[in-house]
Protein backbone atom coordinates (compact mmCIF):
# COMPACT_ATOMS: atom_id res chain seq x y z
CA UNK A 1 -12.29 3.59 14.65
CA UNK A 2 -12.30 7.24 14.52
CA UNK A 3 -15.14 8.78 12.28
CA UNK A 4 -14.95 12.24 11.26
CA UNK A 5 -17.39 14.54 9.31
CA UNK A 6 -15.91 16.24 6.32
CA UNK A 7 -17.23 18.72 3.65
CA UNK A 8 -15.64 19.04 0.49
CA UNK A 9 -12.21 20.66 0.36
CA UNK A 10 -11.85 19.81 4.11
CA UNK A 11 -9.06 17.79 5.42
CA UNK A 12 -7.78 15.73 8.24
CA UNK A 13 -4.00 15.50 9.47
CA UNK A 14 -2.27 12.15 10.46
CA UNK A 15 0.72 12.71 12.27
CA UNK A 16 2.56 16.08 10.98
CA UNK A 17 3.04 14.88 7.47
CA UNK A 18 -0.13 13.19 6.27
CA UNK A 19 -2.97 15.24 5.13
CA UNK A 20 -6.23 13.74 3.77
CA UNK A 21 -8.53 15.92 1.85
CA UNK A 22 -12.14 15.41 0.57
CA UNK A 23 -12.13 16.31 -3.16
CA UNK A 24 -15.55 15.31 -4.54
CA UNK A 25 -18.89 13.46 -3.79
CA UNK A 26 -20.71 11.89 -6.47
CA UNK A 27 -23.38 9.58 -6.11
CA UNK A 28 -21.82 6.63 -3.54
CA UNK A 29 -18.29 7.41 -4.43
CA UNK A 30 -16.25 9.92 -2.61
CA UNK A 31 -12.85 11.16 -3.88
CA UNK A 32 -10.19 11.91 -1.80
CA UNK A 33 -6.56 13.38 -2.01
CA UNK A 34 -3.62 12.22 0.01
CA UNK A 35 -0.53 14.39 0.55
CA UNK A 36 2.10 12.34 2.13
CA UNK A 37 6.00 11.73 1.93
CA UNK A 38 7.16 9.63 -0.94
CA UNK A 39 8.63 7.25 1.64
CA UNK A 40 4.81 6.50 2.79
CA UNK A 41 3.34 3.71 0.74
CA UNK A 42 -0.32 4.05 0.03
CA UNK A 43 -2.47 1.45 -1.36
CA UNK A 44 -6.14 0.52 -1.55
CA UNK A 45 -7.19 -1.91 1.06
CA UNK A 46 -7.87 -4.72 -1.40
CA UNK A 47 -4.44 -4.14 -3.01
CA UNK A 48 -2.65 -4.29 0.11
CA UNK A 49 -4.20 -7.59 1.25
CA UNK A 50 -3.18 -9.13 -2.16
CA UNK A 51 0.42 -7.98 -1.68
CA UNK A 52 0.28 -9.48 2.00
CA UNK A 53 -1.25 -12.73 0.71
CA UNK A 54 1.46 -13.08 -2.10
CA UNK A 55 4.34 -12.16 0.69
CA UNK A 56 2.93 -14.92 2.74
CA UNK A 57 2.99 -17.51 0.07
CA UNK A 58 6.43 -16.49 -1.14
CA UNK A 59 7.59 -16.85 2.37
CA UNK A 60 6.25 -20.27 2.62
CA UNK A 61 7.42 -21.48 -0.79
CA UNK A 62 10.14 -24.36 -1.04
CA UNK A 63 13.44 -22.90 -2.24
CA UNK A 64 15.81 -24.74 -4.50
CA UNK A 65 18.90 -23.70 -2.68
CA UNK A 66 21.40 -25.04 -5.23
CA UNK A 67 19.63 -22.94 -7.79
CA UNK A 68 19.85 -19.81 -5.78
CA UNK A 69 23.61 -20.35 -5.18
CA UNK A 70 24.15 -20.92 -8.76
CA UNK A 71 22.27 -17.68 -9.49
CA UNK A 72 24.47 -15.62 -7.12
CA UNK A 73 27.82 -17.15 -8.29
CA UNK A 74 26.78 -16.67 -12.03
CA UNK A 75 26.48 -20.25 -12.83
CA UNK A 76 22.99 -20.12 -14.58
CA UNK A 77 22.31 -22.97 -16.30
C-alpha cells in the first residue's frame, strides 16, 4: 500500500484520468472528492463488498431453466 500525506485542497492522481482531492478534515473524518470518468465505478468499500457477496450468491443460486425459457419466449404464467 502506498501512503501519501496531503493537506486540504491537495490532490493525488491515479493514472491519467482519476484525481482524488482532500476537501476537509473534521475530527476523525476526512472528506475527499473524486474526479473520474463516468465509466469508472466508485463505491465505498463496504458497499463494494456487499455487491460482490450478492453476485456470488446469485451465481450459486439454482436456476429454474423452464421459467427462464418461458420468460424469454413471452409465455409468462
